[in-house]
PDB file of N, CA and C in Angstrom:
ATOM      1  N   UNK A   1       0.842  -1.188   0.000  1.00  0.00           N
ATOM      2  CA  UNK A   1       0.000   0.000   0.000  1.00  0.00           C
ATOM      3  C   UNK A   1       0.883   1.247   0.000  1.00  0.00           C
ATOM      4  N   UNK A   2       0.527   2.225  -0.817  1.00  0.00           N
ATOM      5  CA  UNK A   2       1.321   3.450  -0.820  1.00  0.00           C
ATOM      6  C   UNK A   2       1.103   4.233   0.475  1.00  0.00           C
ATOM      7  N   UNK A   3       2.167   4.915   0.893  1.00  0.00           N
ATOM      8  CA  UNK A   3       2.074   5.733   2.102  1.00  0.00           C
ATOM      9  C   UNK A   3       1.302   7.006   1.818  1.00  0.00           C
ATOM     10  N   UNK A   4       0.557   7.450   2.822  1.00  0.00           N
ATOM     11  CA  UNK A   4      -0.109   8.739   2.704  1.00  0.00           C
ATOM     12  C   UNK A   4       0.928   9.834   2.909  1.00  0.00           C
ATOM     13  N   UNK A   5       0.810  10.922   2.163  1.00  0.00           N
ATOM     14  CA  UNK A   5       1.763  12.016   2.386  1.00  0.00           C
ATOM     15  C   UNK A   5       1.543  12.624   3.777  1.00  0.00           C
ATOM     16  N   UNK A   6       2.614  13.161   4.347  1.00  0.00           N
ATOM     17  CA  UNK A   6       2.491  13.799   5.653  1.00  0.00           C
ATOM     18  C   UNK A   6       1.574  15.003   5.564  1.00  0.00           C
ATOM     19  N   UNK A   7       0.825  15.231   6.641  1.00  0.00           N
ATOM     20  CA  UNK A   7      -0.088  16.370   6.676  1.00  0.00           C
ATOM     21  C   UNK A   7       0.726  17.638   6.921  1.00  0.00           C
ATOM     22  N   UNK A   8       0.610  18.585   6.010  1.00  0.00           N
ATOM     23  CA  UNK A   8       1.287  19.872   6.139  1.00  0.00           C
ATOM     24  C   UNK A   8       0.256  20.873   6.644  1.00  0.00           C
ATOM     25  N   UNK A   9       0.604  21.603   7.715  1.00  0.00           N
ATOM     26  CA  UNK A   9      -0.345  22.549   8.288  1.00  0.00           C
ATOM     27  C   UNK A   9       0.224  23.959   8.301  1.00  0.00           C
ATOM     28  N   UNK A  10      -0.677  24.906   8.410  1.00  0.00           N
ATOM     29  CA  UNK A  10      -0.348  26.320   8.486  1.00  0.00           C
ATOM     30  C   UNK A  10      -1.243  26.926   9.554  1.00  0.00           C
ATOM     31  N   UNK A  11      -0.666  27.689  10.485  1.00  0.00           N
ATOM     32  CA  UNK A  11      -1.437  28.327  11.555  1.00  0.00           C
ATOM     33  C   UNK A  11      -1.528  29.826  11.273  1.00  0.00           C
ATOM     34  N   UNK A  12      -2.681  30.409  11.575  1.00  0.00           N
ATOM     35  CA  UNK A  12      -2.851  31.852  11.426  1.00  0.00           C
ATOM     36  C   UNK A  12      -3.786  32.353  12.514  1.00  0.00           C
ATOM     37  N   UNK A  13      -3.426  33.481  13.133  1.00  0.00           N
ATOM     38  CA  UNK A  13      -4.255  34.089  14.177  1.00  0.00           C
ATOM     39  C   UNK A  13      -5.099  35.205  13.575  1.00  0.00           C
ATOM     40  N   UNK A  14      -6.357  35.256  13.969  1.00  0.00           N
ATOM     41  CA  UNK A  14      -7.289  36.272  13.491  1.00  0.00           C
ATOM     42  C   UNK A  14      -7.861  37.033  14.683  1.00  0.00           C
ATOM     43  N   UNK A  15      -8.066  38.330  14.505  1.00  0.00           N
ATOM     44  CA  UNK A  15      -8.742  39.170  15.491  1.00  0.00           C
ATOM     45  C   UNK A  15     -10.030  39.636  14.830  1.00  0.00           C
ATOM     46  N   UNK A  16     -11.156  39.533  15.550  1.00  0.00           N
ATOM     47  CA  UNK A  16     -12.448  39.835  14.944  1.00  0.00           C
ATOM     48  C   UNK A  16     -13.416  40.366  15.994  1.00  0.00           C
ATOM     49  N   UNK A  17     -14.475  41.021  15.507  1.00  0.00           N
ATOM     50  CA  UNK A  17     -15.518  41.540  16.396  1.00  0.00           C
ATOM     51  C   UNK A  17     -16.779  40.676  16.329  1.00  0.00           C
ATOM     52  N   UNK A  18     -17.073  40.145  15.129  1.00  0.00           N
ATOM     53  CA  UNK A  18     -18.269  39.317  14.960  1.00  0.00           C
ATOM     54  C   UNK A  18     -17.903  38.047  14.195  1.00  0.00           C
ATOM     55  N   UNK A  19     -18.758  37.048  14.291  1.00  0.00           N
ATOM     56  CA  UNK A  19     -18.521  35.802  13.554  1.00  0.00           C
ATOM     57  C   UNK A  19     -18.524  36.040  12.044  1.00  0.00           C
ATOM     58  N   UNK A  20     -19.369  36.952  11.581  1.00  0.00           N
ATOM     59  CA  UNK A  20     -19.416  37.260  10.148  1.00  0.00           C
ATOM     60  C   UNK A  20     -18.086  37.864   9.686  1.00  0.00           C
ATOM     61  N   UNK A  21     -17.518  38.737  10.507  1.00  0.00           N
ATOM     62  CA  UNK A  21     -16.226  39.342  10.169  1.00  0.00           C
ATOM     63  C   UNK A  21     -15.133  38.267  10.133  1.00  0.00           C
ATOM     64  N   UNK A  22     -15.163  37.338  11.078  1.00  0.00           N
ATOM     65  CA  UNK A  22     -14.184  36.245  11.096  1.00  0.00           C
ATOM     66  C   UNK A  22     -14.310  35.398   9.833  1.00  0.00           C
ATOM     67  N   UNK A  23     -15.529  35.065   9.447  1.00  0.00           N
ATOM     68  CA  UNK A  23     -15.742  34.275   8.231  1.00  0.00           C
ATOM     69  C   UNK A  23     -15.165  34.975   7.010  1.00  0.00           C
ATOM     70  N   UNK A  24     -15.348  36.298   6.926  1.00  0.00           N
ATOM     71  CA  UNK A  24     -14.809  37.075   5.806  1.00  0.00           C
ATOM     72  C   UNK A  24     -13.290  37.062   5.818  1.00  0.00           C
ATOM     73  N   UNK A  25     -12.694  37.222   7.006  1.00  0.00           N
ATOM     74  CA  UNK A  25     -11.232  37.236   7.107  1.00  0.00           C
ATOM     75  C   UNK A  25     -10.642  35.879   6.723  1.00  0.00           C
ATOM     76  N   UNK A  26     -11.268  34.799   7.164  1.00  0.00           N
ATOM     77  CA  UNK A  26     -10.784  33.455   6.822  1.00  0.00           C
ATOM     78  C   UNK A  26     -10.881  33.232   5.314  1.00  0.00           C
ATOM     79  N   UNK A  27     -12.012  33.598   4.724  1.00  0.00           N
ATOM     80  CA  UNK A  27     -12.192  33.427   3.279  1.00  0.00           C
ATOM     81  C   UNK A  27     -11.161  34.254   2.507  1.00  0.00           C
ATOM     82  N   UNK A  28     -10.919  35.472   2.943  1.00  0.00           N
ATOM     83  CA  UNK A  28      -9.926  36.324   2.294  1.00  0.00           C
ATOM     84  C   UNK A  28      -8.522  35.755   2.401  1.00  0.00           C
ATOM     85  N   UNK A  29      -8.172  35.250   3.587  1.00  0.00           N
ATOM     86  CA  UNK A  29      -6.853  34.663   3.794  1.00  0.00           C
ATOM     87  C   UNK A  29      -6.663  33.442   2.903  1.00  0.00           C
ATOM     88  N   UNK A  30      -7.692  32.590   2.830  1.00  0.00           N
ATOM     89  CA  UNK A  30      -7.607  31.390   1.991  1.00  0.00           C
ATOM     90  C   UNK A  30      -7.431  31.768   0.520  1.00  0.00           C
ATOM     91  N   UNK A  31      -8.185  32.771   0.058  1.00  0.00           N
ATOM     92  CA  UNK A  31      -8.103  33.194  -1.343  1.00  0.00           C
ATOM     93  C   UNK A  31      -6.721  33.778  -1.658  1.00  0.00           C
ATOM     94  N   UNK A  32      -6.182  34.609  -0.762  1.00  0.00           N
ATOM     95  CA  UNK A  32      -4.860  35.198  -0.976  1.00  0.00           C
ATOM     96  C   UNK A  32      -3.784  34.118  -1.020  1.00  0.00           C
ATOM     97  N   UNK A  33      -3.870  33.157  -0.115  1.00  0.00           N
ATOM     98  CA  UNK A  33      -2.875  32.087  -0.078  1.00  0.00           C
ATOM     99  C   UNK A  33      -2.943  31.240  -1.345  1.00  0.00           C
ATOM    100  N   UNK A  34      -4.138  30.927  -1.780  1.00  0.00           N
ATOM    101  CA  UNK A  34      -4.307  30.118  -2.990  1.00  0.00           C
ATOM    102  C   UNK A  34      -3.724  30.833  -4.207  1.00  0.00           C
ATOM    103  N   UNK A  35      -3.963  32.130  -4.314  1.00  0.00           N
ATOM    104  CA  UNK A  35      -3.460  32.890  -5.452  1.00  0.00           C
ATOM    105  C   UNK A  35      -1.931  33.004  -5.425  1.00  0.00           C
ATOM    106  N   UNK A  36      -1.358  33.176  -4.246  1.00  0.00           N
ATOM    107  CA  UNK A  36       0.082  33.388  -4.131  1.00  0.00           C
ATOM    108  C   UNK A  36       0.889  32.094  -4.189  1.00  0.00           C
ATOM    109  N   UNK A  37       0.338  30.990  -3.652  1.00  0.00           N
ATOM    110  CA  UNK A  37       1.122  29.767  -3.506  1.00  0.00           C
ATOM    111  C   UNK A  37       0.600  28.583  -4.311  1.00  0.00           C
ATOM    112  N   UNK A  38      -0.508  28.756  -5.011  1.00  0.00           N
ATOM    113  CA  UNK A  38      -1.109  27.676  -5.809  1.00  0.00           C
ATOM    114  C   UNK A  38      -1.384  26.437  -4.951  1.00  0.00           C
ATOM    115  N   UNK A  39      -1.860  26.690  -3.716  1.00  0.00           N
ATOM    116  CA  UNK A  39      -2.232  25.632  -2.779  1.00  0.00           C
ATOM    117  C   UNK A  39      -3.612  25.962  -2.211  1.00  0.00           C
ATOM    118  N   UNK A  40      -4.355  24.926  -1.873  1.00  0.00           N
ATOM    119  CA  UNK A  40      -5.670  25.094  -1.264  1.00  0.00           C
ATOM    120  C   UNK A  40      -5.516  24.923   0.243  1.00  0.00           C
ATOM    121  N   UNK A  41      -6.213  25.743   1.022  1.00  0.00           N
ATOM    122  CA  UNK A  41      -6.208  25.621   2.476  1.00  0.00           C
ATOM    123  C   UNK A  41      -7.548  25.066   2.935  1.00  0.00           C
ATOM    124  N   UNK A  42      -7.511  24.004   3.720  1.00  0.00           N
ATOM    125  CA  UNK A  42      -8.717  23.408   4.301  1.00  0.00           C
ATOM    126  C   UNK A  42      -8.626  23.553   5.812  1.00  0.00           C
ATOM    127  N   UNK A  43      -9.676  24.064   6.442  1.00  0.00           N
ATOM    128  CA  UNK A  43      -9.636  24.270   7.881  1.00  0.00           C
ATOM    129  C   UNK A  43      -9.510  22.929   8.598  1.00  0.00           C
ATOM    130  N   UNK A  44      -8.543  22.845   9.509  1.00  0.00           N
ATOM    131  CA  UNK A  44      -8.279  21.618  10.243  1.00  0.00           C
ATOM    132  C   UNK A  44      -8.676  21.766  11.716  1.00  0.00           C
ATOM    133  N   UNK A  45      -8.427  22.942  12.298  1.00  0.00           N
ATOM    134  CA  UNK A  45      -8.760  23.166  13.710  1.00  0.00           C
ATOM    135  C   UNK A  45      -8.947  24.656  13.961  1.00  0.00           C
ATOM    136  N   UNK A  46      -9.665  24.942  15.025  1.00  0.00           N
ATOM    137  CA  UNK A  46      -9.935  26.338  15.404  1.00  0.00           C
ATOM    138  C   UNK A  46      -9.858  26.414  16.926  1.00  0.00           C
ATOM    139  N   UNK A  47      -8.957  27.277  17.441  1.00  0.00           N
ATOM    140  CA  UNK A  47      -8.771  27.400  18.882  1.00  0.00           C
ATOM    141  C   UNK A  47      -8.976  28.838  19.320  1.00  0.00           C
ATOM    142  N   UNK A  48      -9.745  29.019  20.351  1.00  0.00           N
ATOM    143  CA  UNK A  48      -9.981  30.347  20.895  1.00  0.00           C
ATOM    144  C   UNK A  48      -8.743  30.818  21.638  1.00  0.00           C
ATOM    145  N   UNK A  49      -8.384  32.080  21.436  1.00  0.00           N
ATOM    146  CA  UNK A  49      -7.261  32.693  22.143  1.00  0.00           C
ATOM    147  C   UNK A  49      -7.753  33.785  23.082  1.00  0.00           C
ATOM    148  N   UNK A  50      -9.044  33.800  23.361  1.00  0.00           N
ATOM    149  CA  UNK A  50      -9.638  34.827  24.206  1.00  0.00           C
ATOM    150  C   UNK A  50     -10.708  35.557  23.425  1.00  0.00           C
ATOM    151  N   UNK A  51     -11.246  36.577  24.030  1.00  0.00           N
ATOM    152  CA  UNK A  51     -12.335  37.338  23.399  1.00  0.00           C
ATOM    153  C   UNK A  51     -11.866  37.986  22.096  1.00  0.00           C
ATOM    154  N   UNK A  52     -12.541  37.651  21.007  1.00  0.00           N
ATOM    155  CA  UNK A  52     -12.261  38.264  19.713  1.00  0.00           C
ATOM    156  C   UNK A  52     -10.978  37.799  19.052  1.00  0.00           C
ATOM    157  N   UNK A  53     -10.400  36.698  19.517  1.00  0.00           N
ATOM    158  CA  UNK A  53      -9.169  36.179  18.919  1.00  0.00           C
ATOM    159  C   UNK A  53      -9.306  34.675  18.724  1.00  0.00           C
ATOM    160  N   UNK A  54      -8.753  34.196  17.622  1.00  0.00           N
ATOM    161  CA  UNK A  54      -8.816  32.764  17.336  1.00  0.00           C
ATOM    162  C   UNK A  54      -7.587  32.360  16.524  1.00  0.00           C
ATOM    163  N   UNK A  55      -7.094  31.142  16.757  1.00  0.00           N
ATOM    164  CA  UNK A  55      -6.010  30.574  15.935  1.00  0.00           C
ATOM    165  C   UNK A  55      -6.628  29.467  15.102  1.00  0.00           C
ATOM    166  N   UNK A  56      -6.470  29.600  13.796  1.00  0.00           N
ATOM    167  CA  UNK A  56      -7.009  28.608  12.875  1.00  0.00           C
ATOM    168  C   UNK A  56      -5.844  27.832  12.265  1.00  0.00           C
ATOM    169  N   UNK A  57      -5.967  26.521  12.273  1.00  0.00           N
ATOM    170  CA  UNK A  57      -4.976  25.655  11.644  1.00  0.00           C
ATOM    171  C   UNK A  57      -5.582  25.136  10.347  1.00  0.00           C
ATOM    172  N   UNK A  58      -4.839  25.318   9.267  1.00  0.00           N
ATOM    173  CA  UNK A  58      -5.279  24.876   7.950  1.00  0.00           C
ATOM    174  C   UNK A  58      -4.395  23.719   7.488  1.00  0.00           C
ATOM    175  N   UNK A  59      -4.994  22.761   6.783  1.00  0.00           N
ATOM    176  CA  UNK A  59      -4.232  21.744   6.067  1.00  0.00           C
ATOM    177  C   UNK A  59      -3.901  22.311   4.700  1.00  0.00           C
ATOM    178  N   UNK A  60      -2.660  22.163   4.281  1.00  0.00           N
ATOM    179  CA  UNK A  60      -2.226  22.646   2.971  1.00  0.00           C
ATOM    180  C   UNK A  60      -2.387  21.511   1.974  1.00  0.00           C
ATOM    181  N   UNK A  61      -3.126  21.782   0.902  1.00  0.00           N
ATOM    182  CA  UNK A  61      -3.387  20.785  -0.133  1.00  0.00           C
ATOM    183  C   UNK A  61      -2.866  21.338  -1.460  1.00  0.00           C
ATOM    184  N   UNK A  62      -1.989  20.575  -2.086  1.00  0.00           N
ATOM    185  CA  UNK A  62      -1.446  20.993  -3.382  1.00  0.00           C
ATOM    186  C   UNK A  62      -2.539  20.901  -4.433  1.00  0.00           C
ATOM    187  N   UNK A  63      -2.604  21.914  -5.292  1.00  0.00           N
ATOM    188  CA  UNK A  63      -3.586  21.869  -6.385  1.00  0.00           C
ATOM    189  C   UNK A  63      -3.144  20.845  -7.407  1.00  0.00           C
ATOM    190  N   UNK A  64      -4.111  20.103  -7.926  1.00  0.00           N
ATOM    191  CA  UNK A  64      -3.804  19.126  -8.969  1.00  0.00           C
ATOM    192  C   UNK A  64      -3.707  19.843 -10.307  1.00  0.00           C
ATOM    193  N   UNK A  65      -2.991  19.237 -11.226  1.00  0.00           N
ATOM    194  CA  UNK A  65      -2.822  19.818 -12.558  1.00  0.00           C
ATOM    195  C   UNK A  65      -4.168  19.984 -13.256  1.00  0.00           C
ATOM    196  N   UNK A  66      -4.240  20.984 -14.094  1.00  0.00           N
ATOM    197  CA  UNK A  66      -5.482  21.255 -14.826  1.00  0.00           C
ATOM    198  C   UNK A  66      -5.616  20.291 -15.999  1.00  0.00           C
ATOM    199  N   UNK A  67      -6.819  19.813 -16.219  1.00  0.00           N
ATOM    200  CA  UNK A  67      -7.083  18.939 -17.376  1.00  0.00           C
ATOM    201  C   UNK A  67      -7.244  19.797 -18.616  1.00  0.00           C
ATOM    202  N   UNK A  68      -6.777  19.263 -19.711  1.00  0.00           N
ATOM    203  CA  UNK A  68      -6.893  20.022 -20.973  1.00  0.00           C
ATOM    204  C   UNK A  68      -8.042  19.559 -21.796  1.00  0.00           C
TER     205      UNK A  68
END
């Protein structure tokens, strides 16, 4: 059986006032990372760091080649 590749993660801290604002910041961060690094970020974990702060751990997924 082939080995599964090791899970690569990326951590990022967000400061927010509302859940809607946090959702927007996460979506923006994911879009910027995808455009800059050609990788997809999938949320793996979310930890509270206190009021209005959260650390999100993303799994890094390499984009597959485009079909022609």
